[in-house]
Amino acid sequence: MKEIITIKTEFIKLDQLLKYAAVVQTGGHAKEIINEGLVLVNEEQTFARGKKIRSGDIVKINLDEEIELIVK
């Protein structure tokens, strides 16, 4: 599933993006999937929940199905 997410600020933190896009419902769940290595930012695995996501970044989450968030 691909979804385009529009942000109105310079950046959004990764854990906040996951909540904003309704991939997770809580910050704790965001932390859990990031720590498990299920999140890629621009094709690189990241374990930093505070990673700054900017317009043009692509975030992939490998849960039951792959979710791709394209940030604009």
C-alpha atoms as a PDB file:
ATOM      1  CA  MET A   1       0.000   0.000   0.000  1.00  0.00           C
ATOM      2  CA  LYS A   2       1.339   3.441  -0.935  1.00  0.00           C
ATOM      3  CA  GLU A   3       0.193   6.629   0.701  1.00  0.00           C
ATOM      4  CA  ILE A   4       1.232  10.238   0.174  1.00  0.00           C
ATOM      5  CA  ILE A   5       1.621  12.227   3.388  1.00  0.00           C
ATOM      6  CA  THR A   6       1.770  16.014   3.210  1.00  0.00           C
ATOM      7  CA  ILE A   7       3.593  17.899   5.943  1.00  0.00           C
ATOM      8  CA  LYS A   8       3.474  21.660   6.412  1.00  0.00           C
ATOM      9  CA  THR A   9       6.656  21.950   8.464  1.00  0.00           C
ATOM     10  CA  GLU A  10      10.320  21.547   7.540  1.00  0.00           C
ATOM     11  CA  PHE A  11      10.378  18.030   9.012  1.00  0.00           C
ATOM     12  CA  ILE A  12       8.478  15.562  11.174  1.00  0.00           C
ATOM     13  CA  LYS A  13      10.025  13.000  13.499  1.00  0.00           C
ATOM     14  CA  LEU A  14       9.693   9.396  12.401  1.00  0.00           C
ATOM     15  CA  ASP A  15       7.592   8.247  15.354  1.00  0.00           C
ATOM     16  CA  GLN A  16       5.263  11.233  14.921  1.00  0.00           C
ATOM     17  CA  LEU A  17       4.911  10.467  11.200  1.00  0.00           C
ATOM     18  CA  LEU A  18       3.847   6.902  11.948  1.00  0.00           C
ATOM     19  CA  LYS A  19       1.131   8.197  14.282  1.00  0.00           C
ATOM     20  CA  TYR A  20       0.098  10.993  11.879  1.00  0.00           C
ATOM     21  CA  ALA A  21      -0.283   8.488   9.039  1.00  0.00           C
ATOM     22  CA  ALA A  22      -2.286   6.150  11.326  1.00  0.00           C
ATOM     23  CA  VAL A  23       0.202   3.310  10.862  1.00  0.00           C
ATOM     24  CA  VAL A  24       0.295   3.041  14.667  1.00  0.00           C
ATOM     25  CA  GLN A  25      -2.002   4.416  17.343  1.00  0.00           C
ATOM     26  CA  THR A  26       0.521   5.079  20.098  1.00  0.00           C
ATOM     27  CA  GLY A  27       4.073   6.294  20.471  1.00  0.00           C
ATOM     28  CA  GLY A  28       4.892   3.055  22.267  1.00  0.00           C
ATOM     29  CA  HIS A  29       3.841   0.996  19.267  1.00  0.00           C
ATOM     30  CA  ALA A  30       5.880   3.275  16.962  1.00  0.00           C
ATOM     31  CA  LYS A  31       8.924   2.772  19.202  1.00  0.00           C
ATOM     32  CA  GLU A  32       8.390  -0.996  19.140  1.00  0.00           C
ATOM     33  CA  ILE A  33       8.265  -1.398  15.356  1.00  0.00           C
ATOM     34  CA  ILE A  34      11.209   0.983  14.870  1.00  0.00           C
ATOM     35  CA  ASN A  35      13.303  -0.929  17.440  1.00  0.00           C
ATOM     36  CA  GLU A  36      12.410  -4.227  15.742  1.00  0.00           C
ATOM     37  CA  GLY A  37      13.967  -2.925  12.508  1.00  0.00           C
ATOM     38  CA  LEU A  38      10.713  -2.914  10.562  1.00  0.00           C
ATOM     39  CA  VAL A  39      11.147   0.640   9.242  1.00  0.00           C
ATOM     40  CA  LEU A  40      13.246   1.801   6.296  1.00  0.00           C
ATOM     41  CA  VAL A  41      13.855   5.454   5.453  1.00  0.00           C
ATOM     42  CA  ASN A  42      15.048   5.974   1.892  1.00  0.00           C
ATOM     43  CA  GLU A  43      15.891   2.237   1.691  1.00  0.00           C
ATOM     44  CA  GLU A  44      18.034   2.324   4.868  1.00  0.00           C
ATOM     45  CA  GLN A  45      16.998   0.572   8.073  1.00  0.00           C
ATOM     46  CA  THR A  46      16.716   2.991  10.979  1.00  0.00           C
ATOM     47  CA  PHE A  47      16.380   2.523  14.717  1.00  0.00           C
ATOM     48  CA  ALA A  48      16.075   6.259  15.529  1.00  0.00           C
ATOM     49  CA  ARG A  49      12.509   7.229  16.394  1.00  0.00           C
ATOM     50  CA  GLY A  50      13.492  10.894  16.383  1.00  0.00           C
ATOM     51  CA  LYS A  51      14.920  10.751  12.844  1.00  0.00           C
ATOM     52  CA  LYS A  52      13.869  13.855  10.936  1.00  0.00           C
ATOM     53  CA  ILE A  53      11.714  13.019   7.934  1.00  0.00           C
ATOM     54  CA  ARG A  54      11.580  15.720   5.276  1.00  0.00           C
ATOM     55  CA  SER A  55       9.684  16.278   2.052  1.00  0.00           C
ATOM     56  CA  GLY A  56      10.885  13.797  -0.563  1.00  0.00           C
ATOM     57  CA  ASP A  57      11.700  11.026   1.920  1.00  0.00           C
ATOM     58  CA  ILE A  58      10.169   7.577   1.493  1.00  0.00           C
ATOM     59  CA  VAL A  59       9.363   5.527   4.581  1.00  0.00           C
ATOM     60  CA  LYS A  60       8.602   1.810   4.256  1.00  0.00           C
ATOM     61  CA  ILE A  61       7.093  -0.179   7.097  1.00  0.00           C
ATOM     62  CA  ASN A  62       7.078  -3.985   6.917  1.00  0.00           C
ATOM     63  CA  LEU A  63       4.141  -5.131   9.007  1.00  0.00           C
ATOM     64  CA  ASP A  64       1.570  -7.699   7.827  1.00  0.00           C
ATOM     65  CA  GLU A  65       1.704  -5.856   4.520  1.00  0.00           C
ATOM     66  CA  GLU A  66       4.307  -3.379   3.306  1.00  0.00           C
ATOM     67  CA  ILE A  67       3.253   0.237   3.782  1.00  0.00           C
ATOM     68  CA  GLU A  68       5.059   2.942   1.837  1.00  0.00           C
ATOM     69  CA  LEU A  69       4.704   6.554   2.947  1.00  0.00           C
ATOM     70  CA  ILE A  70       5.813   9.200   0.460  1.00  0.00           C
ATOM     71  CA  VAL A  71       6.336  12.515   2.249  1.00  0.00           C
ATOM     72  CA  LYS A  72       5.540  15.726   0.373  1.00  0.00           C
END
